[in-house]
Amino acid sequence: MEEIGSIMQYLYKQIIHNLRVTELIWKCFRCNLSFKDDNLAEIHKKISNHSVTKVKTIVV
């Protein structure tokens, strides 16, 4: 039974590893907000006067 569990765990890790995709987002580290849309990030930048940084995230 443990062998089946370890095989399933191995397969799960392989599938998750292959499904990872990176996504570019804009993040305000002062507010801890993330924006997928550049326009929203620019609006936040103008309203709050905070800097917004491009960040790559891993999406599963």
C-alpha atoms as a PDB file:
ATOM      1  CA  MET A   1       0.000   0.000   0.000  1.00  0.00           C
ATOM      2  CA  GLU A   2       2.878   2.393   0.777  1.00  0.00           C
ATOM      3  CA  GLU A   3       4.351   1.656  -2.635  1.00  0.00           C
ATOM      4  CA  ILE A   4       1.161   2.817  -4.381  1.00  0.00           C
ATOM      5  CA  GLY A   5       1.169   5.984  -2.275  1.00  0.00           C
ATOM      6  CA  SER A   6       4.772   6.796  -3.167  1.00  0.00           C
ATOM      7  CA  ILE A   7       4.078   6.143  -6.867  1.00  0.00           C
ATOM      8  CA  MET A   8       1.061   8.458  -6.766  1.00  0.00           C
ATOM      9  CA  GLN A   9       3.103  11.135  -4.987  1.00  0.00           C
ATOM     10  CA  TYR A  10       5.828  10.863  -7.640  1.00  0.00           C
ATOM     11  CA  LEU A  11       3.295  11.165 -10.468  1.00  0.00           C
ATOM     12  CA  TYR A  12       1.635  14.149  -8.778  1.00  0.00           C
ATOM     13  CA  LYS A  13       4.984  15.950  -8.467  1.00  0.00           C
ATOM     14  CA  GLN A  14       5.772  15.262 -12.129  1.00  0.00           C
ATOM     15  CA  ILE A  15       2.408  16.612 -13.288  1.00  0.00           C
ATOM     16  CA  ILE A  16       2.661  19.748 -11.115  1.00  0.00           C
ATOM     17  CA  HIS A  17       6.206  20.361 -12.360  1.00  0.00           C
ATOM     18  CA  ASN A  18       5.046  20.198 -15.979  1.00  0.00           C
ATOM     19  CA  LEU A  19       1.983  22.425 -15.461  1.00  0.00           C
ATOM     20  CA  ARG A  20       3.820  25.393 -13.966  1.00  0.00           C
ATOM     21  CA  VAL A  21       3.476  28.562 -15.977  1.00  0.00           C
ATOM     22  CA  THR A  22       4.926  31.966 -15.184  1.00  0.00           C
ATOM     23  CA  GLU A  23       2.763  35.049 -15.265  1.00  0.00           C
ATOM     24  CA  LEU A  24       3.809  38.690 -15.254  1.00  0.00           C
ATOM     25  CA  ILE A  25       2.042  40.865 -12.687  1.00  0.00           C
ATOM     26  CA  TRP A  26       2.561  44.324 -11.257  1.00  0.00           C
ATOM     27  CA  LYS A  27       2.975  44.541  -7.493  1.00  0.00           C
ATOM     28  CA  CYS A  28       2.820  47.384  -4.983  1.00  0.00           C
ATOM     29  CA  PHE A  29       4.928  46.234  -2.043  1.00  0.00           C
ATOM     30  CA  ARG A  30       3.744  49.096   0.182  1.00  0.00           C
ATOM     31  CA  CYS A  31       0.081  48.094  -0.107  1.00  0.00           C
ATOM     32  CA  ASN A  32       0.751  44.419  -0.808  1.00  0.00           C
ATOM     33  CA  LEU A  33      -1.517  44.604  -3.867  1.00  0.00           C
ATOM     34  CA  SER A  34      -1.014  42.722  -7.137  1.00  0.00           C
ATOM     35  CA  PHE A  35      -2.385  43.749 -10.533  1.00  0.00           C
ATOM     36  CA  LYS A  36      -2.686  41.581 -13.628  1.00  0.00           C
ATOM     37  CA  ASP A  37      -3.559  44.574 -15.787  1.00  0.00           C
ATOM     38  CA  ASP A  38      -0.972  47.280 -16.514  1.00  0.00           C
ATOM     39  CA  ASN A  39      -3.688  49.958 -16.685  1.00  0.00           C
ATOM     40  CA  LEU A  40      -4.864  49.196 -13.153  1.00  0.00           C
ATOM     41  CA  ALA A  41      -1.282  49.300 -11.899  1.00  0.00           C
ATOM     42  CA  GLU A  42      -0.801  52.728 -13.486  1.00  0.00           C
ATOM     43  CA  ILE A  43      -4.026  54.017 -11.909  1.00  0.00           C
ATOM     44  CA  HIS A  44      -2.853  52.783  -8.508  1.00  0.00           C
ATOM     45  CA  LYS A  45       0.516  54.435  -9.097  1.00  0.00           C
ATOM     46  CA  LYS A  46      -1.126  57.793  -9.863  1.00  0.00           C
ATOM     47  CA  ILE A  47      -3.640  57.674  -7.012  1.00  0.00           C
ATOM     48  CA  SER A  48      -1.361  56.426  -4.243  1.00  0.00           C
ATOM     49  CA  ASN A  49       1.984  57.798  -5.476  1.00  0.00           C
ATOM     50  CA  HIS A  50       3.509  54.349  -4.780  1.00  0.00           C
ATOM     51  CA  SER A  51       5.928  52.594  -7.097  1.00  0.00           C
ATOM     52  CA  VAL A  52       4.723  49.451  -8.859  1.00  0.00           C
ATOM     53  CA  THR A  53       7.150  46.682  -9.831  1.00  0.00           C
ATOM     54  CA  LYS A  54       6.853  43.965 -12.480  1.00  0.00           C
ATOM     55  CA  VAL A  55       7.085  40.508 -10.912  1.00  0.00           C
ATOM     56  CA  LYS A  56       7.018  37.009 -12.400  1.00  0.00           C
ATOM     57  CA  THR A  57       4.837  34.581 -10.483  1.00  0.00           C
ATOM     58  CA  ILE A  58       4.415  30.838 -10.841  1.00  0.00           C
ATOM     59  CA  VAL A  59       0.848  29.801 -11.577  1.00  0.00           C
ATOM     60  CA  VAL A  60      -0.131  26.174 -11.079  1.00  0.00           C
END
